[in-house]
Amino acid sequence: MTIIKILTLLLAGIIFFLGYYLWAHRQKAFLMFHPENNHALSIIVKTYSLILIISSLITFITGFFFAPWVLALVLICNVTIIATLPIMMLIFLQ
């Protein structure tokens, strides 16, 4: 059970880093994207950054205090959220 908590904390850290990275780059160019030129992309980056930060906090709390089935539901939600991010970003690839 301890290894599951460690991996959950690692996942929460990675998700938080992704959310923070998107938040920090919501008004400047990163990789091949330019949210400073495209208002819709800026809104998507801002929305996803907030969703990822909140999701990381929920994952962190769930890893310590809730039953395994609740953790499984949170992990499924995390996978869904993270899988939709590249799909949304592909729309704005320049």
PDB file of N, CA and C in Angstrom:
ATOM      1  N   MET A   1       0.826  -1.196   0.000  1.00  0.00           N
ATOM      2  CA  MET A   1       0.000   0.000   0.000  1.00  0.00           C
ATOM      3  C   MET A   1       0.870   1.260   0.000  1.00  0.00           C
ATOM      4  N   THR A   2       2.048   1.187   0.589  1.00  0.00           N
ATOM      5  CA  THR A   2       2.922   2.346   0.649  1.00  0.00           C
ATOM      6  C   THR A   2       3.407   2.747  -0.736  1.00  0.00           C
ATOM      7  N   ILE A   3       3.695   1.780  -1.584  1.00  0.00           N
ATOM      8  CA  ILE A   3       4.158   2.098  -2.935  1.00  0.00           C
ATOM      9  C   ILE A   3       3.077   2.831  -3.719  1.00  0.00           C
ATOM     10  N   ILE A   4       1.827   2.500  -3.463  1.00  0.00           N
ATOM     11  CA  ILE A   4       0.725   3.191  -4.132  1.00  0.00           C
ATOM     12  C   ILE A   4       0.675   4.645  -3.694  1.00  0.00           C
ATOM     13  N   LYS A   5       0.890   4.904  -2.421  1.00  0.00           N
ATOM     14  CA  LYS A   5       0.902   6.289  -1.928  1.00  0.00           C
ATOM     15  C   LYS A   5       2.064   7.072  -2.519  1.00  0.00           C
ATOM     16  N   ILE A   6       3.224   6.434  -2.621  1.00  0.00           N
ATOM     17  CA  ILE A   6       4.391   7.112  -3.194  1.00  0.00           C
ATOM     18  C   ILE A   6       4.145   7.443  -4.658  1.00  0.00           C
ATOM     19  N   LEU A   7       3.618   6.500  -5.414  1.00  0.00           N
ATOM     20  CA  LEU A   7       3.340   6.742  -6.835  1.00  0.00           C
ATOM     21  C   LEU A   7       2.227   7.772  -7.021  1.00  0.00           C
ATOM     22  N   THR A   8       1.256   7.773  -6.132  1.00  0.00           N
ATOM     23  CA  THR A   8       0.197   8.779  -6.195  1.00  0.00           C
ATOM     24  C   THR A   8       0.753  10.166  -5.928  1.00  0.00           C
ATOM     25  N   LEU A   9       1.643  10.295  -4.961  1.00  0.00           N
ATOM     26  CA  LEU A   9       2.286  11.582  -4.686  1.00  0.00           C
ATOM     27  C   LEU A   9       3.135  12.039  -5.869  1.00  0.00           C
ATOM     28  N   LEU A  10       3.827  11.102  -6.503  1.00  0.00           N
ATOM     29  CA  LEU A  10       4.611  11.425  -7.689  1.00  0.00           C
ATOM     30  C   LEU A  10       3.709  11.913  -8.821  1.00  0.00           C
ATOM     31  N   LEU A  11       2.603  11.236  -9.019  1.00  0.00           N
ATOM     32  CA  LEU A  11       1.642  11.661 -10.041  1.00  0.00           C
ATOM     33  C   LEU A  11       1.085  13.046  -9.722  1.00  0.00           C
ATOM     34  N   ALA A  12       0.748  13.288  -8.478  1.00  0.00           N
ATOM     35  CA  ALA A  12       0.234  14.603  -8.086  1.00  0.00           C
ATOM     36  C   ALA A  12       1.269  15.685  -8.349  1.00  0.00           C
ATOM     37  N   GLY A  13       2.534  15.390  -8.095  1.00  0.00           N
ATOM     38  CA  GLY A  13       3.600  16.354  -8.376  1.00  0.00           C
ATOM     39  C   GLY A  13       3.753  16.639  -9.854  1.00  0.00           C
ATOM     40  N   ILE A  14       3.668  15.619 -10.670  1.00  0.00           N
ATOM     41  CA  ILE A  14       3.783  15.804 -12.122  1.00  0.00           C
ATOM     42  C   ILE A  14       2.608  16.612 -12.653  1.00  0.00           C
ATOM     43  N   ILE A  15       1.413  16.302 -12.201  1.00  0.00           N
ATOM     44  CA  ILE A  15       0.227  17.040 -12.648  1.00  0.00           C
ATOM     45  C   ILE A  15       0.308  18.493 -12.198  1.00  0.00           C
ATOM     46  N   PHE A  16       0.778  18.724 -10.964  1.00  0.00           N
ATOM     47  CA  PHE A  16       0.917  20.097 -10.480  1.00  0.00           C
ATOM     48  C   PHE A  16       1.942  20.858 -11.316  1.00  0.00           C
ATOM     49  N   PHE A  17       3.052  20.207 -11.659  1.00  0.00           N
ATOM     50  CA  PHE A  17       4.067  20.853 -12.486  1.00  0.00           C
ATOM     51  C   PHE A  17       3.503  21.223 -13.856  1.00  0.00           C
ATOM     52  N   LEU A  18       2.742  20.322 -14.463  1.00  0.00           N
ATOM     53  CA  LEU A  18       2.123  20.626 -15.763  1.00  0.00           C
ATOM     54  C   LEU A  18       1.158  21.802 -15.659  1.00  0.00           C
ATOM     55  N   GLY A  19       0.354  21.816 -14.601  1.00  0.00           N
ATOM     56  CA  GLY A  19      -0.575  22.922 -14.400  1.00  0.00           C
ATOM     57  C   GLY A  19       0.149  24.236 -14.173  1.00  0.00           C
ATOM     58  N   TYR A  20       1.219  24.205 -13.370  1.00  0.00           N
ATOM     59  CA  TYR A  20       1.993  25.424 -13.114  1.00  0.00           C
ATOM     60  C   TYR A  20       2.681  25.905 -14.387  1.00  0.00           C
ATOM     61  N   TYR A  21       3.211  24.968 -15.172  1.00  0.00           N
ATOM     62  CA  TYR A  21       3.875  25.334 -16.424  1.00  0.00           C
ATOM     63  C   TYR A  21       2.890  26.027 -17.368  1.00  0.00           C
ATOM     64  N   LEU A  22       1.702  25.471 -17.498  1.00  0.00           N
ATOM     65  CA  LEU A  22       0.700  26.105 -18.353  1.00  0.00           C
ATOM     66  C   LEU A  22       0.294  27.467 -17.807  1.00  0.00           C
ATOM     67  N   TRP A  23       0.146  27.586 -16.490  1.00  0.00           N
ATOM     68  CA  TRP A  23      -0.229  28.869 -15.894  1.00  0.00           C
ATOM     69  C   TRP A  23       0.863  29.912 -16.142  1.00  0.00           C
ATOM     70  N   ALA A  24       2.115  29.514 -16.027  1.00  0.00           N
ATOM     71  CA  ALA A  24       3.220  30.447 -16.223  1.00  0.00           C
ATOM     72  C   ALA A  24       3.362  30.869 -17.684  1.00  0.00           C
ATOM     73  N   HIS A  25       2.877  30.057 -18.611  1.00  0.00           N
ATOM     74  CA  HIS A  25       3.025  30.350 -20.030  1.00  0.00           C
ATOM     75  C   HIS A  25       1.701  30.714 -20.700  1.00  0.00           C
ATOM     76  N   ARG A  26       0.758  31.209 -19.929  1.00  0.00           N
ATOM     77  CA  ARG A  26      -0.541  31.524 -20.516  1.00  0.00           C
ATOM     78  C   ARG A  26      -0.513  32.785 -21.366  1.00  0.00           C
ATOM     79  N   GLN A  27       0.506  33.647 -21.207  1.00  0.00           N
ATOM     80  CA  GLN A  27       0.594  34.878 -21.996  1.00  0.00           C
ATOM     81  C   GLN A  27       1.918  34.995 -22.746  1.00  0.00           C
ATOM     82  N   LYS A  28       2.645  33.882 -22.892  1.00  0.00           N
ATOM     83  CA  LYS A  28       3.885  33.911 -23.664  1.00  0.00           C
ATOM     84  C   LYS A  28       4.028  32.605 -24.433  1.00  0.00           C
ATOM     85  N   ALA A  29       4.852  32.669 -25.461  1.00  0.00           N
ATOM     86  CA  ALA A  29       5.022  31.516 -26.342  1.00  0.00           C
ATOM     87  C   ALA A  29       5.726  30.375 -25.607  1.00  0.00           C
ATOM     88  N   PHE A  30       5.291  29.157 -25.890  1.00  0.00           N
ATOM     89  CA  PHE A  30       5.964  27.972 -25.391  1.00  0.00           C
ATOM     90  C   PHE A  30       5.836  26.884 -26.433  1.00  0.00           C
ATOM     91  N   LEU A  31       6.900  26.102 -26.555  1.00  0.00           N
ATOM     92  CA  LEU A  31       6.993  25.058 -27.569  1.00  0.00           C
ATOM     93  C   LEU A  31       6.633  25.650 -28.934  1.00  0.00           C
ATOM     94  N   MET A  32       5.567  25.189 -29.550  1.00  0.00           N
ATOM     95  CA  MET A  32       5.156  25.707 -30.857  1.00  0.00           C
ATOM     96  C   MET A  32       3.851  26.490 -30.776  1.00  0.00           C
ATOM     97  N   PHE A  33       3.441  26.845 -29.591  1.00  0.00           N
ATOM     98  CA  PHE A  33       2.162  27.511 -29.385  1.00  0.00           C
ATOM     99  C   PHE A  33       2.381  28.966 -29.002  1.00  0.00           C
ATOM    100  N   HIS A  34       1.450  29.813 -29.412  1.00  0.00           N
ATOM    101  CA  HIS A  34       1.542  31.239 -29.164  1.00  0.00           C
ATOM    102  C   HIS A  34       0.226  31.770 -28.580  1.00  0.00           C
ATOM    103  N   PRO A  35       0.012  31.568 -27.272  1.00  0.00           N
ATOM    104  CA  PRO A  35      -1.241  32.054 -26.680  1.00  0.00           C
ATOM    105  C   PRO A  35      -1.319  33.571 -26.590  1.00  0.00           C
ATOM    106  N   GLU A  36      -0.192  34.258 -26.727  1.00  0.00           N
ATOM    107  CA  GLU A  36      -0.241  35.716 -26.692  1.00  0.00           C
ATOM    108  C   GLU A  36      -0.884  36.284 -27.951  1.00  0.00           C
ATOM    109  N   ASN A  37      -0.897  35.515 -29.028  1.00  0.00           N
ATOM    110  CA  ASN A  37      -1.500  35.949 -30.286  1.00  0.00           C
ATOM    111  C   ASN A  37      -2.908  35.423 -30.490  1.00  0.00           C
ATOM    112  N   ASN A  38      -3.285  34.389 -29.764  1.00  0.00           N
ATOM    113  CA  ASN A  38      -4.568  33.722 -29.971  1.00  0.00           C
ATOM    114  C   ASN A  38      -5.339  33.710 -28.646  1.00  0.00           C
ATOM    115  N   HIS A  39      -6.422  34.463 -28.595  1.00  0.00           N
ATOM    116  CA  HIS A  39      -7.193  34.590 -27.353  1.00  0.00           C
ATOM    117  C   HIS A  39      -7.830  33.254 -26.944  1.00  0.00           C
ATOM    118  N   ALA A  40      -8.320  32.488 -27.899  1.00  0.00           N
ATOM    119  CA  ALA A  40      -8.950  31.200 -27.580  1.00  0.00           C
ATOM    120  C   ALA A  40      -7.934  30.240 -26.970  1.00  0.00           C
ATOM    121  N   LEU A  41      -6.728  30.205 -27.511  1.00  0.00           N
ATOM    122  CA  LEU A  41      -5.679  29.348 -26.951  1.00  0.00           C
ATOM    123  C   LEU A  41      -5.300  29.808 -25.547  1.00  0.00           C
ATOM    124  N   SER A  42      -5.271  31.101 -25.325  1.00  0.00           N
ATOM    125  CA  SER A  42      -4.968  31.628 -24.003  1.00  0.00           C
ATOM    126  C   SER A  42      -6.010  31.182 -22.977  1.00  0.00           C
ATOM    127  N   ILE A  43      -7.260  31.199 -23.363  1.00  0.00           N
ATOM    128  CA  ILE A  43      -8.331  30.748 -22.460  1.00  0.00           C
ATOM    129  C   ILE A  43      -8.213  29.253 -22.179  1.00  0.00           C
ATOM    130  N   ILE A  44      -7.909  28.462 -23.200  1.00  0.00           N
ATOM    131  CA  ILE A  44      -7.760  27.015 -23.011  1.00  0.00           C
ATOM    132  C   ILE A  44      -6.585  26.714 -22.100  1.00  0.00           C
ATOM    133  N   VAL A  45      -5.462  27.404 -22.304  1.00  0.00           N
ATOM    134  CA  VAL A  45      -4.284  27.183 -21.457  1.00  0.00           C
ATOM    135  C   VAL A  45      -4.589  27.568 -20.014  1.00  0.00           C
ATOM    136  N   LYS A  46      -5.267  28.681 -19.820  1.00  0.00           N
ATOM    137  CA  LYS A  46      -5.608  29.122 -18.465  1.00  0.00           C
ATOM    138  C   LYS A  46      -6.572  28.137 -17.799  1.00  0.00           C
ATOM    139  N   THR A  47      -7.569  27.683 -18.541  1.00  0.00           N
ATOM    140  CA  THR A  47      -8.552  26.744 -17.993  1.00  0.00           C
ATOM    141  C   THR A  47      -7.906  25.416 -17.628  1.00  0.00           C
ATOM    142  N   TYR A  48      -7.111  24.874 -18.544  1.00  0.00           N
ATOM    143  CA  TYR A  48      -6.458  23.598 -18.268  1.00  0.00           C
ATOM    144  C   TYR A  48      -5.456  23.711 -17.128  1.00  0.00           C
ATOM    145  N   SER A  49      -4.775  24.849 -17.010  1.00  0.00           N
ATOM    146  CA  SER A  49      -3.833  24.989 -15.905  1.00  0.00           C
ATOM    147  C   SER A  49      -4.567  24.950 -14.567  1.00  0.00           C
ATOM    148  N   LEU A  50      -5.682  25.633 -14.468  1.00  0.00           N
ATOM    149  CA  LEU A  50      -6.450  25.600 -13.223  1.00  0.00           C
ATOM    150  C   LEU A  50      -7.018  24.201 -12.946  1.00  0.00           C
ATOM    151  N   ILE A  51      -7.508  23.544 -13.986  1.00  0.00           N
ATOM    152  CA  ILE A  51      -8.034  22.186 -13.825  1.00  0.00           C
ATOM    153  C   ILE A  51      -6.939  21.237 -13.349  1.00  0.00           C
ATOM    154  N   LEU A  52      -5.742  21.352 -13.931  1.00  0.00           N
ATOM    155  CA  LEU A  52      -4.643  20.467 -13.542  1.00  0.00           C
ATOM    156  C   LEU A  52      -4.164  20.739 -12.124  1.00  0.00           C
ATOM    157  N   ILE A  53      -4.101  21.991 -11.722  1.00  0.00           N
ATOM    158  CA  ILE A  53      -3.675  22.306 -10.358  1.00  0.00           C
ATOM    159  C   ILE A  53      -4.690  21.778  -9.346  1.00  0.00           C
ATOM    160  N   ILE A  54      -5.965  21.981  -9.618  1.00  0.00           N
ATOM    161  CA  ILE A  54      -7.006  21.465  -8.721  1.00  0.00           C
ATOM    162  C   ILE A  54      -6.984  19.940  -8.701  1.00  0.00           C
ATOM    163  N   SER A  55      -6.787  19.336  -9.863  1.00  0.00           N
ATOM    164  CA  SER A  55      -6.727  17.881  -9.946  1.00  0.00           C
ATOM    165  C   SER A  55      -5.539  17.328  -9.162  1.00  0.00           C
ATOM    166  N   SER A  56      -4.411  18.024  -9.203  1.00  0.00           N
ATOM    167  CA  SER A  56      -3.250  17.545  -8.444  1.00  0.00           C
ATOM    168  C   SER A  56      -3.508  17.626  -6.940  1.00  0.00           C
ATOM    169  N   LEU A  57      -4.175  18.675  -6.499  1.00  0.00           N
ATOM    170  CA  LEU A  57      -4.490  18.786  -5.077  1.00  0.00           C
ATOM    171  C   LEU A  57      -5.466  17.690  -4.637  1.00  0.00           C
ATOM    172  N   ILE A  58      -6.461  17.418  -5.466  1.00  0.00           N
ATOM    173  CA  ILE A  58      -7.412  16.344  -5.155  1.00  0.00           C
ATOM    174  C   ILE A  58      -6.699  14.993  -5.130  1.00  0.00           C
ATOM    175  N   THR A  59      -5.786  14.769  -6.074  1.00  0.00           N
ATOM    176  CA  THR A  59      -5.031  13.517  -6.107  1.00  0.00           C
ATOM    177  C   THR A  59      -4.173  13.371  -4.862  1.00  0.00           C
ATOM    178  N   PHE A  60      -3.520  14.450  -4.452  1.00  0.00           N
ATOM    179  CA  PHE A  60      -2.682  14.429  -3.258  1.00  0.00           C
ATOM    180  C   PHE A  60      -3.497  14.067  -2.013  1.00  0.00           C
ATOM    181  N   ILE A  61      -4.645  14.701  -1.854  1.00  0.00           N
ATOM    182  CA  ILE A  61      -5.495  14.442  -0.686  1.00  0.00           C
ATOM    183  C   ILE A  61      -6.065  13.029  -0.738  1.00  0.00           C
ATOM    184  N   THR A  62      -6.501  12.618  -1.917  1.00  0.00           N
ATOM    185  CA  THR A  62      -7.104  11.294  -2.061  1.00  0.00           C
ATOM    186  C   THR A  62      -6.099  10.185  -1.777  1.00  0.00           C
ATOM    187  N   GLY A  63      -4.841  10.404  -2.143  1.00  0.00           N
ATOM    188  CA  GLY A  63      -3.822   9.389  -1.919  1.00  0.00           C
ATOM    189  C   GLY A  63      -3.614   9.054  -0.456  1.00  0.00           C
ATOM    190  N   PHE A  64      -3.921   9.983   0.426  1.00  0.00           N
ATOM    191  CA  PHE A  64      -3.700   9.752   1.846  1.00  0.00           C
ATOM    192  C   PHE A  64      -4.944   9.342   2.619  1.00  0.00           C
ATOM    193  N   PHE A  65      -6.081   9.892   2.258  1.00  0.00           N
ATOM    194  CA  PHE A  65      -7.214   9.821   3.175  1.00  0.00           C
ATOM    195  C   PHE A  65      -8.404   8.997   2.721  1.00  0.00           C
ATOM    196  N   PHE A  66      -8.446   8.557   1.489  1.00  0.00           N
ATOM    197  CA  PHE A  66      -9.669   7.914   1.013  1.00  0.00           C
ATOM    198  C   PHE A  66      -9.444   6.456   0.633  1.00  0.00           C
ATOM    199  N   ALA A  67     -10.537   5.764   0.409  1.00  0.00           N
ATOM    200  CA  ALA A  67     -10.510   4.350   0.052  1.00  0.00           C
ATOM    201  C   ALA A  67      -9.914   4.166  -1.349  1.00  0.00           C
ATOM    202  N   PRO A  68      -9.424   2.967  -1.635  1.00  0.00           N
ATOM    203  CA  PRO A  68      -8.820   2.712  -2.944  1.00  0.00           C
ATOM    204  C   PRO A  68      -9.769   2.934  -4.126  1.00  0.00           C
ATOM    205  N   TRP A  69     -11.058   2.687  -3.941  1.00  0.00           N
ATOM    206  CA  TRP A  69     -11.973   2.896  -5.068  1.00  0.00           C
ATOM    207  C   TRP A  69     -12.127   4.384  -5.374  1.00  0.00           C
ATOM    208  N   VAL A  70     -12.035   5.251  -4.371  1.00  0.00           N
ATOM    209  CA  VAL A  70     -12.083   6.693  -4.612  1.00  0.00           C
ATOM    210  C   VAL A  70     -10.821   7.123  -5.341  1.00  0.00           C
ATOM    211  N   LEU A  71      -9.679   6.568  -4.930  1.00  0.00           N
ATOM    212  CA  LEU A  71      -8.425   6.856  -5.614  1.00  0.00           C
ATOM    213  C   LEU A  71      -8.484   6.406  -7.067  1.00  0.00           C
ATOM    214  N   ALA A  72      -9.086   5.256  -7.319  1.00  0.00           N
ATOM    215  CA  ALA A  72      -9.219   4.779  -8.696  1.00  0.00           C
ATOM    216  C   ALA A  72     -10.070   5.735  -9.535  1.00  0.00           C
ATOM    217  N   LEU A  73     -11.151   6.252  -8.978  1.00  0.00           N
ATOM    218  CA  LEU A  73     -11.978   7.220  -9.705  1.00  0.00           C
ATOM    219  C   LEU A  73     -11.216   8.507 -10.002  1.00  0.00           C
ATOM    220  N   VAL A  74     -10.439   8.973  -9.031  1.00  0.00           N
ATOM    221  CA  VAL A  74      -9.648  10.192  -9.232  1.00  0.00           C
ATOM    222  C   VAL A  74      -8.589   9.957 -10.301  1.00  0.00           C
ATOM    223  N   LEU A  75      -7.963   8.799 -10.290  1.00  0.00           N
ATOM    224  CA  LEU A  75      -6.945   8.497 -11.303  1.00  0.00           C
ATOM    225  C   LEU A  75      -7.561   8.402 -12.697  1.00  0.00           C
ATOM    226  N   ILE A  76      -8.742   7.850 -12.797  1.00  0.00           N
ATOM    227  CA  ILE A  76      -9.428   7.799 -14.093  1.00  0.00           C
ATOM    228  C   ILE A  76      -9.747   9.208 -14.577  1.00  0.00           C
ATOM    229  N   CYS A  77     -10.182  10.066 -13.679  1.00  0.00           N
ATOM    230  CA  CYS A  77     -10.432  11.470 -14.050  1.00  0.00           C
ATOM    231  C   CYS A  77      -9.142  12.159 -14.490  1.00  0.00           C
ATOM    232  N   ASN A  78      -8.035  11.894 -13.782  1.00  0.00           N
ATOM    233  CA  ASN A  78      -6.752  12.477 -14.161  1.00  0.00           C
ATOM    234  C   ASN A  78      -6.324  12.038 -15.556  1.00  0.00           C
ATOM    235  N   VAL A  79      -6.477  10.767 -15.839  1.00  0.00           N
ATOM    236  CA  VAL A  79      -6.111  10.260 -17.157  1.00  0.00           C
ATOM    237  C   VAL A  79      -6.949  10.931 -18.244  1.00  0.00           C
ATOM    238  N   THR A  80      -8.230  11.085 -17.988  1.00  0.00           N
ATOM    239  CA  THR A  80      -9.117  11.727 -18.956  1.00  0.00           C
ATOM    240  C   THR A  80      -8.730  13.181 -19.181  1.00  0.00           C
ATOM    241  N   ILE A  81      -8.451  13.897 -18.115  1.00  0.00           N
ATOM    242  CA  ILE A  81      -8.075  15.305 -18.225  1.00  0.00           C
ATOM    243  C   ILE A  81      -6.763  15.457 -18.972  1.00  0.00           C
ATOM    244  N   ILE A  82      -5.778  14.658 -18.607  1.00  0.00           N
ATOM    245  CA  ILE A  82      -4.468  14.779 -19.236  1.00  0.00           C
ATOM    246  C   ILE A  82      -4.513  14.308 -20.683  1.00  0.00           C
ATOM    247  N   ALA A  83      -5.352  13.352 -21.018  1.00  0.00           N
ATOM    248  CA  ALA A  83      -5.455  12.877 -22.398  1.00  0.00           C
ATOM    249  C   ALA A  83      -6.147  13.889 -23.305  1.00  0.00           C
ATOM    250  N   THR A  84      -7.031  14.696 -22.761  1.00  0.00           N
ATOM    251  CA  THR A  84      -7.722  15.677 -23.601  1.00  0.00           C
ATOM    252  C   THR A  84      -6.884  16.923 -23.858  1.00  0.00           C
ATOM    253  N   LEU A  85      -5.880  17.179 -23.027  1.00  0.00           N
ATOM    254  CA  LEU A  85      -5.044  18.369 -23.218  1.00  0.00           C
ATOM    255  C   LEU A  85      -4.317  18.366 -24.560  1.00  0.00           C
ATOM    256  N   PRO A  86      -3.599  17.307 -24.947  1.00  0.00           N
ATOM    257  CA  PRO A  86      -2.933  17.342 -26.262  1.00  0.00           C
ATOM    258  C   PRO A  86      -3.922  17.421 -27.425  1.00  0.00           C
ATOM    259  N   ILE A  87      -5.077  16.838 -27.256  1.00  0.00           N
ATOM    260  CA  ILE A  87      -6.070  16.910 -28.330  1.00  0.00           C
ATOM    261  C   ILE A  87      -6.526  18.347 -28.532  1.00  0.00           C
ATOM    262  N   MET A  88      -6.750  19.058 -27.429  1.00  0.00           N
ATOM    263  CA  MET A  88      -7.136  20.469 -27.537  1.00  0.00           C
ATOM    264  C   MET A  88      -5.997  21.316 -28.098  1.00  0.00           C
ATOM    265  N   MET A  89      -4.765  21.003 -27.731  1.00  0.00           N
ATOM    266  CA  MET A  89      -3.618  21.772 -28.202  1.00  0.00           C
ATOM    267  C   MET A  89      -3.353  21.533 -29.686  1.00  0.00           C
ATOM    268  N   LEU A  90      -3.687  20.353 -30.198  1.00  0.00           N
ATOM    269  CA  LEU A  90      -3.479  20.065 -31.613  1.00  0.00           C
ATOM    270  C   LEU A  90      -4.286  20.988 -32.513  1.00  0.00           C
ATOM    271  N   ILE A  91      -5.396  21.467 -32.020  1.00  0.00           N
ATOM    272  CA  ILE A  91      -6.234  22.377 -32.796  1.00  0.00           C
ATOM    273  C   ILE A  91      -5.466  23.653 -33.110  1.00  0.00           C
ATOM    274  N   PHE A  92      -4.590  24.083 -32.206  1.00  0.00           N
ATOM    275  CA  PHE A  92      -3.892  25.350 -32.344  1.00  0.00           C
ATOM    276  C   PHE A  92      -2.452  25.205 -32.801  1.00  0.00           C
ATOM    277  N   LEU A  93      -2.062  24.035 -33.265  1.00  0.00           N
ATOM    278  CA  LEU A  93      -0.699  23.825 -33.741  1.00  0.00           C
ATOM    279  C   LEU A  93      -0.448  24.654 -34.978  1.00  0.00           C
ATOM    280  N   GLN A  94       0.637  25.409 -34.966  1.00  0.00           N
ATOM    281  CA  GLN A  94       0.919  26.299 -36.101  1.00  0.00           C
ATOM    282  C   GLN A  94       2.135  25.833 -36.865  1.00  0.00           C
TER     283      GLN A  94
END
